[in-house]
């Protein structure tokens, strides 16, 4: 996929702020610090369109990125970060749940997990939540460059088993450092977005 232009169009917290226009939307979910911003930047060939931060829990809104006038990426707040107050976490939870369960333009969710470690309880909960609402999921196992190639399959197996990945759900090895999996990720996204 050749990305001609990509820009952030709005940071929304409630439905009346979502962009109009019926473009397909692909949401990106994952733990704080799992590498969502790096994934977005790598896919869009931009250095820092999505701001990467050493401070987890930075994304507190639904950030809508317009890509080639064809689709939106929607970056949702990372979960599982302890330093955010319980009240704030509940507010984010509500905001994300509202978006995931009511947004007709949402075509699939990219769930980003860290290949180096088994998925966390939060990852499993997010996967189960998406399956419950019958929202298509693409699992991206990132940071593949941090693991010797010979161990990739072993780590993938752990990821699949921990998530209890349903057959038919795609899991893609990815590295924002090397670009491993970039074309595959775009292939899966384009299939769901129908572009």
N, C-alpha and C. Protein backbone atom coordinates (compact mmCIF):
# COMPACT_ATOMS: atom_id res chain seq x y z
N UNK A 1 0.86 -1.20 0.00
CA UNK A 1 0.00 0.00 0.00
C UNK A 1 0.90 1.24 0.00
N UNK A 2 0.69 2.10 -0.98
CA UNK A 2 1.48 3.32 -1.06
C UNK A 2 0.72 4.44 -0.35
N UNK A 3 1.31 4.94 0.71
CA UNK A 3 0.64 6.00 1.47
C UNK A 3 1.09 7.35 0.91
N UNK A 4 0.15 8.03 0.25
CA UNK A 4 0.46 9.35 -0.32
C UNK A 4 0.35 10.42 0.77
N UNK A 5 -0.74 10.34 1.52
CA UNK A 5 -0.86 11.32 2.60
C UNK A 5 -1.56 10.72 3.81
N UNK A 6 -1.15 11.20 4.95
CA UNK A 6 -1.69 10.72 6.22
C UNK A 6 -1.66 11.90 7.18
N UNK A 7 -2.78 12.12 7.84
CA UNK A 7 -2.82 13.24 8.79
C UNK A 7 -3.79 12.92 9.91
N UNK A 8 -3.52 13.49 11.05
CA UNK A 8 -4.47 13.32 12.16
C UNK A 8 -5.59 14.32 11.94
N UNK A 9 -6.84 13.84 11.97
CA UNK A 9 -7.95 14.75 11.69
C UNK A 9 -8.68 15.21 12.95
N UNK A 10 -8.75 14.33 13.94
CA UNK A 10 -9.40 14.75 15.19
C UNK A 10 -9.04 13.81 16.32
N UNK A 11 -8.98 14.37 17.51
CA UNK A 11 -8.89 13.56 18.72
C UNK A 11 -10.24 13.66 19.40
N UNK A 12 -10.94 12.53 19.47
CA UNK A 12 -12.32 12.55 19.94
C UNK A 12 -12.45 11.84 21.28
N UNK A 13 -13.43 12.26 22.06
CA UNK A 13 -13.74 11.53 23.29
C UNK A 13 -15.20 11.05 23.30
N UNK A 14 -16.02 11.61 22.41
CA UNK A 14 -17.41 11.14 22.38
C UNK A 14 -17.93 11.07 20.94
N UNK A 15 -18.99 10.28 20.73
CA UNK A 15 -19.46 10.00 19.38
C UNK A 15 -19.73 11.22 18.51
N UNK A 16 -20.24 12.32 19.09
CA UNK A 16 -20.55 13.46 18.20
C UNK A 16 -19.29 14.14 17.66
N UNK A 17 -18.11 13.69 18.16
CA UNK A 17 -16.86 14.26 17.64
C UNK A 17 -16.23 13.37 16.57
N UNK A 18 -16.75 12.14 16.39
CA UNK A 18 -16.18 11.25 15.39
C UNK A 18 -16.32 11.89 14.01
N UNK A 19 -15.38 11.62 13.10
CA UNK A 19 -15.49 12.21 11.76
C UNK A 19 -16.73 11.70 11.02
N UNK A 20 -17.32 12.57 10.23
CA UNK A 20 -18.44 12.15 9.37
C UNK A 20 -17.85 11.62 8.07
N UNK A 21 -18.69 11.02 7.25
CA UNK A 21 -18.23 10.67 5.92
C UNK A 21 -18.15 9.20 5.57
N UNK A 22 -18.44 8.31 6.54
CA UNK A 22 -18.57 6.88 6.23
C UNK A 22 -17.33 6.16 5.71
N UNK A 23 -16.14 6.70 5.89
CA UNK A 23 -14.94 5.97 5.48
C UNK A 23 -14.73 4.78 6.41
N UNK A 24 -14.19 3.66 5.89
CA UNK A 24 -13.92 2.53 6.78
C UNK A 24 -12.89 2.91 7.85
N UNK A 25 -13.04 2.32 9.03
CA UNK A 25 -12.13 2.61 10.13
C UNK A 25 -11.49 1.32 10.65
N UNK A 26 -10.20 1.40 10.92
CA UNK A 26 -9.45 0.30 11.52
C UNK A 26 -8.90 0.84 12.83
N UNK A 27 -9.31 0.24 13.94
CA UNK A 27 -8.83 0.72 15.25
C UNK A 27 -7.57 -0.04 15.64
N UNK A 28 -6.73 0.61 16.44
CA UNK A 28 -5.49 0.00 16.92
C UNK A 28 -5.52 -0.02 18.43
N UNK A 29 -5.45 -1.22 18.99
CA UNK A 29 -5.54 -1.37 20.44
C UNK A 29 -4.32 -2.13 20.93
N UNK A 30 -3.98 -1.89 22.18
CA UNK A 30 -2.85 -2.60 22.78
C UNK A 30 -2.48 -1.98 24.11
N UNK A 31 -1.63 -2.70 24.82
CA UNK A 31 -1.15 -2.21 26.09
C UNK A 31 -0.38 -0.92 25.90
N UNK A 32 -0.36 -0.08 26.92
CA UNK A 32 0.51 1.10 26.89
C UNK A 32 1.93 0.61 26.66
N UNK A 33 2.65 1.32 25.83
CA UNK A 33 4.07 1.01 25.58
C UNK A 33 4.31 -0.25 24.76
N UNK A 34 3.29 -0.80 24.12
CA UNK A 34 3.51 -2.02 23.34
C UNK A 34 4.06 -1.69 21.94
N UNK A 35 3.98 -0.41 21.56
CA UNK A 35 4.52 -0.01 20.27
C UNK A 35 3.47 0.34 19.23
N UNK A 36 2.29 0.83 19.71
CA UNK A 36 1.22 1.20 18.77
C UNK A 36 1.65 2.37 17.87
N UNK A 37 2.22 3.39 18.49
CA UNK A 37 2.63 4.57 17.71
C UNK A 37 3.70 4.20 16.69
N UNK A 38 4.65 3.35 17.11
CA UNK A 38 5.71 2.92 16.18
C UNK A 38 5.11 2.12 15.03
N UNK A 39 4.10 1.30 15.33
CA UNK A 39 3.41 0.51 14.31
C UNK A 39 2.74 1.45 13.29
N UNK A 40 2.01 2.44 13.80
CA UNK A 40 1.32 3.40 12.92
C UNK A 40 2.34 4.13 12.05
N UNK A 41 3.40 4.65 12.68
CA UNK A 41 4.41 5.40 11.93
C UNK A 41 5.07 4.54 10.86
N UNK A 42 5.35 3.28 11.18
CA UNK A 42 5.99 2.38 10.21
C UNK A 42 5.06 2.12 9.03
N UNK A 43 3.79 1.85 9.32
CA UNK A 43 2.84 1.58 8.25
C UNK A 43 2.64 2.79 7.34
N UNK A 44 2.70 3.97 7.92
CA UNK A 44 2.43 5.18 7.16
C UNK A 44 3.70 5.85 6.62
N UNK A 45 4.87 5.20 6.87
CA UNK A 45 6.16 5.78 6.44
C UNK A 45 6.36 7.18 6.98
N UNK A 46 5.97 7.40 8.20
CA UNK A 46 6.17 8.71 8.82
C UNK A 46 7.04 8.51 10.05
N UNK A 47 7.87 9.51 10.32
CA UNK A 47 8.75 9.39 11.49
C UNK A 47 7.95 9.50 12.78
N UNK A 48 7.16 10.57 12.89
CA UNK A 48 6.44 10.75 14.16
C UNK A 48 5.09 11.41 13.98
N UNK A 49 4.29 10.84 13.08
CA UNK A 49 2.91 11.30 12.95
C UNK A 49 2.16 10.91 14.23
N UNK A 50 2.32 9.63 14.62
CA UNK A 50 1.80 9.21 15.93
C UNK A 50 2.93 9.43 16.91
N UNK A 51 2.68 10.19 17.94
CA UNK A 51 3.76 10.52 18.86
C UNK A 51 4.10 9.33 19.74
N UNK A 52 5.36 8.91 19.66
CA UNK A 52 5.81 7.85 20.54
C UNK A 52 6.27 8.54 21.82
N UNK A 53 6.11 7.87 22.92
CA UNK A 53 6.43 8.51 24.19
C UNK A 53 7.06 7.50 25.13
N UNK A 54 8.01 7.99 25.92
CA UNK A 54 8.58 7.08 26.91
C UNK A 54 7.66 7.04 28.12
N UNK A 55 6.67 7.97 28.13
CA UNK A 55 5.70 7.96 29.23
C UNK A 55 4.45 7.23 28.78
N UNK A 56 4.23 6.00 29.26
CA UNK A 56 3.03 5.27 28.84
C UNK A 56 1.77 5.99 29.28
N UNK A 57 0.66 5.63 28.64
CA UNK A 57 -0.62 6.22 29.05
C UNK A 57 -0.82 7.60 28.48
N UNK A 58 -0.05 7.94 27.43
CA UNK A 58 -0.10 9.29 26.87
C UNK A 58 -1.37 9.51 26.02
N UNK A 59 -1.75 8.52 25.24
CA UNK A 59 -2.95 8.67 24.41
C UNK A 59 -4.18 8.57 25.31
N UNK A 60 -4.94 9.66 25.38
CA UNK A 60 -6.12 9.65 26.26
C UNK A 60 -7.39 9.94 25.48
N UNK A 61 -7.24 9.98 24.16
CA UNK A 61 -8.40 10.25 23.31
C UNK A 61 -8.39 9.22 22.18
N UNK A 62 -9.45 9.19 21.39
CA UNK A 62 -9.47 8.38 20.17
C UNK A 62 -8.90 9.26 19.06
N UNK A 63 -7.71 8.92 18.58
CA UNK A 63 -7.06 9.74 17.56
C UNK A 63 -7.35 9.18 16.17
N UNK A 64 -8.05 9.96 15.36
CA UNK A 64 -8.42 9.53 14.01
C UNK A 64 -7.40 10.06 12.99
N UNK A 65 -6.78 9.13 12.27
CA UNK A 65 -5.82 9.49 11.21
C UNK A 65 -6.47 9.20 9.86
N UNK A 66 -6.44 10.16 8.96
CA UNK A 66 -6.98 9.96 7.62
C UNK A 66 -5.85 9.53 6.70
N UNK A 67 -6.04 8.40 6.01
CA UNK A 67 -5.00 7.86 5.15
C UNK A 67 -5.47 7.84 3.71
N UNK A 68 -4.73 8.57 2.84
CA UNK A 68 -5.03 8.61 1.40
C UNK A 68 -6.49 8.94 1.10
N UNK A 69 -7.18 9.62 1.99
CA UNK A 69 -8.61 9.91 1.80
C UNK A 69 -9.44 8.63 1.67
N UNK A 70 -8.85 7.46 2.02
CA UNK A 70 -9.51 6.16 1.81
C UNK A 70 -10.04 5.54 3.10
N UNK A 71 -9.32 5.75 4.19
CA UNK A 71 -9.72 5.12 5.44
C UNK A 71 -9.17 5.89 6.63
N UNK A 72 -9.71 5.56 7.80
CA UNK A 72 -9.19 6.12 9.05
C UNK A 72 -8.52 5.02 9.87
N UNK A 73 -7.37 5.34 10.44
CA UNK A 73 -6.81 4.55 11.54
C UNK A 73 -7.31 5.25 12.80
N UNK A 74 -7.72 4.46 13.79
CA UNK A 74 -8.17 5.06 15.04
C UNK A 74 -7.31 4.49 16.17
N UNK A 75 -6.47 5.34 16.72
CA UNK A 75 -5.58 4.94 17.80
C UNK A 75 -6.34 5.12 19.11
N UNK A 76 -6.55 4.01 19.83
CA UNK A 76 -7.30 4.10 21.09
C UNK A 76 -6.31 4.09 22.26
N UNK A 77 -6.69 4.65 23.40
CA UNK A 77 -5.76 4.69 24.54
C UNK A 77 -5.25 3.30 24.92
N UNK A 78 -3.98 3.23 25.24
CA UNK A 78 -3.39 1.96 25.69
C UNK A 78 -3.98 1.57 27.03
N UNK A 79 -4.06 0.26 27.26
CA UNK A 79 -4.64 -0.20 28.53
C UNK A 79 -3.55 -0.81 29.41
N UNK A 80 -3.92 -1.06 30.65
CA UNK A 80 -3.02 -1.78 31.55
C UNK A 80 -1.93 -0.93 32.16
N UNK A 81 -2.10 0.38 32.13
CA UNK A 81 -1.05 1.21 32.72
C UNK A 81 -1.44 1.66 34.11
N UNK A 82 -0.62 1.30 35.07
CA UNK A 82 -1.00 1.43 36.48
C UNK A 82 -1.03 2.86 37.01
N UNK A 83 -0.24 3.76 36.41
CA UNK A 83 -0.12 5.08 37.01
C UNK A 83 -1.29 6.01 36.71
N UNK A 84 -2.26 5.51 36.00
CA UNK A 84 -3.45 6.31 35.70
C UNK A 84 -4.50 6.00 36.77
N UNK A 85 -5.17 7.05 37.24
CA UNK A 85 -6.14 6.83 38.32
C UNK A 85 -7.26 5.90 37.86
N UNK A 86 -7.87 5.23 38.82
CA UNK A 86 -8.95 4.27 38.54
C UNK A 86 -10.08 5.00 37.79
N UNK A 87 -10.36 6.22 38.24
CA UNK A 87 -11.44 6.99 37.63
C UNK A 87 -11.16 7.26 36.16
N UNK A 88 -9.90 7.64 35.88
CA UNK A 88 -9.49 7.91 34.49
C UNK A 88 -9.59 6.65 33.65
N UNK A 89 -9.13 5.52 34.24
CA UNK A 89 -9.18 4.25 33.51
C UNK A 89 -10.62 3.87 33.17
N UNK A 90 -11.52 4.11 34.12
CA UNK A 90 -12.93 3.79 33.87
C UNK A 90 -13.50 4.68 32.76
N UNK A 91 -13.10 5.94 32.76
CA UNK A 91 -13.57 6.87 31.72
C UNK A 91 -13.07 6.42 30.34
N UNK A 92 -11.79 6.03 30.27
CA UNK A 92 -11.25 5.55 29.00
C UNK A 92 -11.99 4.29 28.57
N UNK A 93 -12.19 3.39 29.53
CA UNK A 93 -12.87 2.12 29.24
C UNK A 93 -14.23 2.36 28.61
N UNK A 94 -14.96 3.29 29.20
CA UNK A 94 -16.30 3.64 28.70
C UNK A 94 -16.20 4.21 27.28
N UNK A 95 -15.24 5.12 27.10
CA UNK A 95 -15.07 5.77 25.80
C UNK A 95 -14.74 4.73 24.71
N UNK A 96 -13.83 3.81 25.03
CA UNK A 96 -13.41 2.79 24.07
C UNK A 96 -14.57 1.83 23.79
N UNK A 97 -15.25 1.43 24.86
CA UNK A 97 -16.37 0.50 24.70
C UNK A 97 -17.46 1.11 23.82
N UNK A 98 -17.77 2.38 24.06
CA UNK A 98 -18.79 3.07 23.26
C UNK A 98 -18.38 3.06 21.80
N UNK A 99 -17.12 3.39 21.54
CA UNK A 99 -16.65 3.43 20.15
C UNK A 99 -16.74 2.03 19.52
N UNK A 100 -16.18 1.03 20.21
CA UNK A 100 -16.14 -0.32 19.64
C UNK A 100 -17.54 -0.91 19.40
N UNK A 101 -18.48 -0.59 20.28
CA UNK A 101 -19.79 -1.26 20.19
C UNK A 101 -20.83 -0.49 19.37
N UNK A 102 -20.55 0.78 19.04
CA UNK A 102 -21.59 1.56 18.35
C UNK A 102 -21.16 2.08 16.98
N UNK A 103 -19.89 2.03 16.68
CA UNK A 103 -19.40 2.68 15.46
C UNK A 103 -19.53 1.77 14.24
N UNK A 104 -20.43 2.14 13.34
CA UNK A 104 -20.68 1.29 12.17
C UNK A 104 -19.51 1.27 11.20
N UNK A 105 -18.73 2.35 11.16
CA UNK A 105 -17.60 2.42 10.22
C UNK A 105 -16.44 1.52 10.63
N UNK A 106 -16.45 1.05 11.87
CA UNK A 106 -15.35 0.21 12.36
C UNK A 106 -15.39 -1.15 11.66
N UNK A 107 -14.32 -1.47 10.92
CA UNK A 107 -14.28 -2.71 10.14
C UNK A 107 -13.47 -3.81 10.82
N UNK A 108 -12.46 -3.42 11.61
CA UNK A 108 -11.62 -4.42 12.29
C UNK A 108 -10.77 -3.70 13.33
N UNK A 109 -10.26 -4.48 14.28
CA UNK A 109 -9.35 -3.94 15.28
C UNK A 109 -8.01 -4.66 15.16
N UNK A 110 -6.95 -3.87 15.07
CA UNK A 110 -5.59 -4.41 15.11
C UNK A 110 -5.20 -4.48 16.59
N UNK A 111 -5.02 -5.70 17.08
CA UNK A 111 -4.63 -5.88 18.48
C UNK A 111 -3.12 -6.12 18.51
N UNK A 112 -2.40 -5.17 19.11
CA UNK A 112 -0.94 -5.26 19.12
C UNK A 112 -0.45 -5.86 20.42
N UNK A 113 0.30 -6.95 20.30
CA UNK A 113 0.87 -7.61 21.48
C UNK A 113 2.39 -7.68 21.31
N UNK A 114 3.08 -7.89 22.40
CA UNK A 114 4.54 -7.96 22.41
C UNK A 114 4.96 -9.42 22.24
N UNK A 115 5.60 -9.73 21.11
CA UNK A 115 5.99 -11.11 20.82
C UNK A 115 6.92 -11.69 21.88
N UNK A 116 7.67 -10.84 22.56
CA UNK A 116 8.67 -11.32 23.53
C UNK A 116 8.06 -11.96 24.76
N UNK A 117 6.82 -11.56 25.09
CA UNK A 117 6.18 -12.04 26.32
C UNK A 117 4.81 -12.63 25.99
N UNK A 118 4.33 -13.56 26.81
CA UNK A 118 2.96 -14.04 26.61
C UNK A 118 2.00 -12.86 26.75
N UNK A 119 0.89 -12.86 26.00
CA UNK A 119 -0.10 -11.78 26.16
C UNK A 119 -0.53 -11.64 27.62
N UNK A 120 -0.78 -10.41 28.04
CA UNK A 120 -1.18 -10.15 29.43
C UNK A 120 -2.67 -10.47 29.59
N UNK A 121 -3.14 -10.47 30.84
CA UNK A 121 -4.57 -10.65 31.10
C UNK A 121 -5.39 -9.59 30.37
N UNK A 122 -4.85 -8.37 30.33
CA UNK A 122 -5.55 -7.28 29.62
C UNK A 122 -5.66 -7.57 28.13
N UNK A 123 -4.60 -8.12 27.55
CA UNK A 123 -4.63 -8.49 26.13
C UNK A 123 -5.72 -9.55 25.88
N UNK A 124 -5.75 -10.53 26.75
CA UNK A 124 -6.73 -11.62 26.62
C UNK A 124 -8.15 -11.05 26.76
N UNK A 125 -8.33 -10.16 27.74
CA UNK A 125 -9.65 -9.54 27.94
C UNK A 125 -10.08 -8.74 26.71
N UNK A 126 -9.13 -8.00 26.13
CA UNK A 126 -9.44 -7.21 24.94
C UNK A 126 -9.82 -8.12 23.77
N UNK A 127 -9.07 -9.20 23.59
CA UNK A 127 -9.38 -10.14 22.51
C UNK A 127 -10.77 -10.75 22.72
N UNK A 128 -11.04 -11.18 23.95
CA UNK A 128 -12.35 -11.78 24.26
C UNK A 128 -13.49 -10.78 24.05
N UNK A 129 -13.24 -9.54 24.44
CA UNK A 129 -14.24 -8.48 24.28
C UNK A 129 -14.58 -8.31 22.79
N UNK A 130 -13.55 -8.25 21.95
CA UNK A 130 -13.77 -8.06 20.51
C UNK A 130 -14.50 -9.26 19.91
N UNK A 131 -14.14 -10.46 20.36
CA UNK A 131 -14.81 -11.67 19.86
C UNK A 131 -16.28 -11.66 20.29
N UNK A 132 -16.52 -11.24 21.54
CA UNK A 132 -17.88 -11.20 22.07
C UNK A 132 -18.78 -10.31 21.21
N UNK A 133 -18.22 -9.16 20.79
CA UNK A 133 -19.00 -8.23 19.97
C UNK A 133 -18.85 -8.50 18.48
N UNK A 134 -18.22 -9.62 18.16
CA UNK A 134 -18.05 -10.05 16.76
C UNK A 134 -17.37 -8.99 15.90
N UNK A 135 -16.35 -8.37 16.49
CA UNK A 135 -15.55 -7.38 15.75
C UNK A 135 -14.31 -8.12 15.22
N UNK A 136 -14.07 -8.08 13.91
CA UNK A 136 -12.90 -8.77 13.37
C UNK A 136 -11.60 -8.27 14.01
N UNK A 137 -10.67 -9.21 14.23
CA UNK A 137 -9.40 -8.88 14.90
C UNK A 137 -8.23 -9.32 14.04
N UNK A 138 -7.24 -8.44 13.93
CA UNK A 138 -5.94 -8.79 13.33
C UNK A 138 -4.93 -8.68 14.48
N UNK A 139 -4.27 -9.77 14.83
CA UNK A 139 -3.29 -9.71 15.92
C UNK A 139 -1.91 -9.43 15.32
N UNK A 140 -1.28 -8.37 15.81
CA UNK A 140 0.07 -8.02 15.39
C UNK A 140 1.01 -8.31 16.57
N UNK A 141 1.93 -9.24 16.34
CA UNK A 141 2.92 -9.57 17.38
C UNK A 141 4.20 -8.80 17.05
N UNK A 142 4.39 -7.70 17.76
CA UNK A 142 5.46 -6.78 17.40
C UNK A 142 6.74 -7.05 18.19
N UNK A 143 7.76 -6.27 17.86
CA UNK A 143 9.11 -6.40 18.46
C UNK A 143 9.78 -7.71 18.08
N UNK A 144 9.46 -8.22 16.88
CA UNK A 144 10.06 -9.48 16.39
C UNK A 144 11.57 -9.35 16.28
N UNK A 145 12.05 -8.12 16.03
CA UNK A 145 13.51 -7.94 15.88
C UNK A 145 14.27 -8.19 17.18
N UNK A 146 13.56 -8.22 18.30
CA UNK A 146 14.22 -8.43 19.60
C UNK A 146 14.40 -9.92 19.93
N UNK A 147 13.91 -10.78 19.02
CA UNK A 147 13.97 -12.23 19.26
C UNK A 147 14.70 -12.89 18.09
N UNK A 148 15.57 -13.86 18.36
CA UNK A 148 16.22 -14.56 17.23
C UNK A 148 15.16 -15.21 16.35
N UNK A 149 15.38 -15.13 15.04
CA UNK A 149 14.42 -15.66 14.06
C UNK A 149 14.02 -17.10 14.36
N UNK A 150 14.97 -17.90 14.81
CA UNK A 150 14.72 -19.31 15.09
C UNK A 150 13.69 -19.54 16.20
N UNK A 151 13.43 -18.50 17.00
CA UNK A 151 12.49 -18.66 18.12
C UNK A 151 11.13 -18.03 17.85
N UNK A 152 10.97 -17.45 16.68
CA UNK A 152 9.71 -16.78 16.34
C UNK A 152 8.51 -17.71 16.49
N UNK A 153 8.62 -18.90 15.91
CA UNK A 153 7.47 -19.81 15.91
C UNK A 153 7.07 -20.22 17.33
N UNK A 154 8.08 -20.43 18.16
CA UNK A 154 7.82 -20.80 19.56
C UNK A 154 7.03 -19.68 20.26
N UNK A 155 7.47 -18.45 20.06
CA UNK A 155 6.80 -17.30 20.69
C UNK A 155 5.39 -17.10 20.11
N UNK A 156 5.26 -17.31 18.80
CA UNK A 156 3.94 -17.18 18.18
C UNK A 156 2.97 -18.19 18.76
N UNK A 157 3.47 -19.39 18.98
CA UNK A 157 2.63 -20.47 19.53
C UNK A 157 2.11 -20.06 20.91
N UNK A 158 3.00 -19.52 21.74
CA UNK A 158 2.61 -19.06 23.09
C UNK A 158 1.55 -17.97 22.98
N UNK A 159 1.75 -17.04 22.05
CA UNK A 159 0.78 -15.94 21.86
C UNK A 159 -0.58 -16.50 21.47
N UNK A 160 -0.58 -17.41 20.48
CA UNK A 160 -1.85 -17.99 20.02
C UNK A 160 -2.56 -18.73 21.14
N UNK A 161 -1.79 -19.53 21.89
CA UNK A 161 -2.41 -20.34 22.96
C UNK A 161 -2.94 -19.46 24.09
N UNK A 162 -2.16 -18.43 24.46
CA UNK A 162 -2.59 -17.57 25.57
C UNK A 162 -3.86 -16.81 25.20
N UNK A 163 -3.92 -16.33 23.97
CA UNK A 163 -5.13 -15.59 23.53
C UNK A 163 -6.28 -16.55 23.22
N UNK A 164 -5.94 -17.83 23.09
CA UNK A 164 -6.93 -18.82 22.63
C UNK A 164 -7.47 -18.36 21.28
N UNK A 165 -6.53 -18.05 20.38
CA UNK A 165 -6.83 -17.48 19.07
C UNK A 165 -7.74 -18.40 18.28
N UNK A 166 -8.82 -17.83 17.78
CA UNK A 166 -9.76 -18.62 16.99
C UNK A 166 -9.19 -18.86 15.60
N UNK A 167 -9.48 -20.04 15.05
CA UNK A 167 -8.97 -20.32 13.70
C UNK A 167 -9.61 -19.31 12.75
N UNK A 168 -8.82 -18.86 11.81
CA UNK A 168 -9.33 -17.82 10.90
C UNK A 168 -8.86 -16.43 11.30
N UNK A 169 -8.51 -16.23 12.57
CA UNK A 169 -7.97 -14.94 12.98
C UNK A 169 -6.48 -14.88 12.63
N UNK A 170 -6.12 -13.80 11.98
CA UNK A 170 -4.75 -13.68 11.50
C UNK A 170 -3.83 -13.16 12.60
N UNK A 171 -2.62 -13.74 12.67
CA UNK A 171 -1.59 -13.22 13.57
C UNK A 171 -0.36 -12.95 12.70
N UNK A 172 0.16 -11.74 12.81
CA UNK A 172 1.25 -11.30 11.93
C UNK A 172 2.46 -10.89 12.76
N UNK A 173 3.60 -11.48 12.44
CA UNK A 173 4.87 -11.08 13.05
C UNK A 173 5.24 -9.71 12.53
N UNK A 174 5.69 -8.82 13.43
CA UNK A 174 5.95 -7.45 12.99
C UNK A 174 7.15 -6.87 13.72
N UNK A 175 7.85 -6.00 13.01
CA UNK A 175 8.90 -5.22 13.66
C UNK A 175 8.91 -3.82 13.06
N UNK A 176 8.75 -2.81 13.90
CA UNK A 176 8.78 -1.44 13.38
C UNK A 176 10.23 -1.03 13.10
N UNK A 177 11.19 -1.81 13.61
CA UNK A 177 12.60 -1.52 13.33
C UNK A 177 12.98 -1.98 11.92
N UNK A 178 12.61 -3.20 11.59
CA UNK A 178 13.06 -3.78 10.32
C UNK A 178 12.00 -3.72 9.22
N UNK A 179 10.74 -3.48 9.60
CA UNK A 179 9.67 -3.48 8.60
C UNK A 179 9.10 -4.87 8.36
N UNK A 180 9.61 -5.86 9.09
CA UNK A 180 9.08 -7.23 9.00
C UNK A 180 7.57 -7.20 9.21
N UNK A 181 6.82 -7.82 8.29
CA UNK A 181 5.37 -7.93 8.46
C UNK A 181 4.56 -6.74 7.98
N UNK A 182 5.24 -5.69 7.51
CA UNK A 182 4.52 -4.47 7.11
C UNK A 182 3.54 -4.75 5.95
N UNK A 183 4.02 -5.44 4.90
CA UNK A 183 3.15 -5.71 3.75
C UNK A 183 1.99 -6.63 4.13
N UNK A 184 2.30 -7.61 5.00
CA UNK A 184 1.25 -8.53 5.45
C UNK A 184 0.18 -7.76 6.24
N UNK A 185 0.65 -6.86 7.11
CA UNK A 185 -0.28 -6.07 7.93
C UNK A 185 -1.19 -5.25 7.02
N UNK A 186 -0.59 -4.59 6.01
CA UNK A 186 -1.39 -3.79 5.08
C UNK A 186 -2.38 -4.67 4.33
N UNK A 187 -1.93 -5.88 3.95
CA UNK A 187 -2.81 -6.80 3.23
C UNK A 187 -4.06 -7.13 4.05
N UNK A 188 -3.85 -7.42 5.33
CA UNK A 188 -4.98 -7.75 6.22
C UNK A 188 -5.89 -6.54 6.41
N UNK A 189 -5.29 -5.38 6.60
CA UNK A 189 -6.06 -4.14 6.82
C UNK A 189 -6.90 -3.82 5.59
N UNK A 190 -6.28 -3.93 4.41
CA UNK A 190 -6.99 -3.59 3.18
C UNK A 190 -8.16 -4.53 2.92
N UNK A 191 -7.96 -5.79 3.30
CA UNK A 191 -9.02 -6.79 3.12
C UNK A 191 -10.27 -6.38 3.93
N UNK A 192 -10.04 -6.02 5.20
CA UNK A 192 -11.19 -5.65 6.06
C UNK A 192 -11.77 -4.29 5.68
N UNK A 193 -10.90 -3.37 5.28
CA UNK A 193 -11.37 -2.01 4.94
C UNK A 193 -11.97 -1.98 3.54
N UNK A 194 -11.70 -3.07 2.79
CA UNK A 194 -12.24 -3.17 1.44
C UNK A 194 -11.73 -2.05 0.54
N UNK A 195 -10.42 -1.83 0.59
CA UNK A 195 -9.83 -0.77 -0.28
C UNK A 195 -8.72 -1.36 -1.13
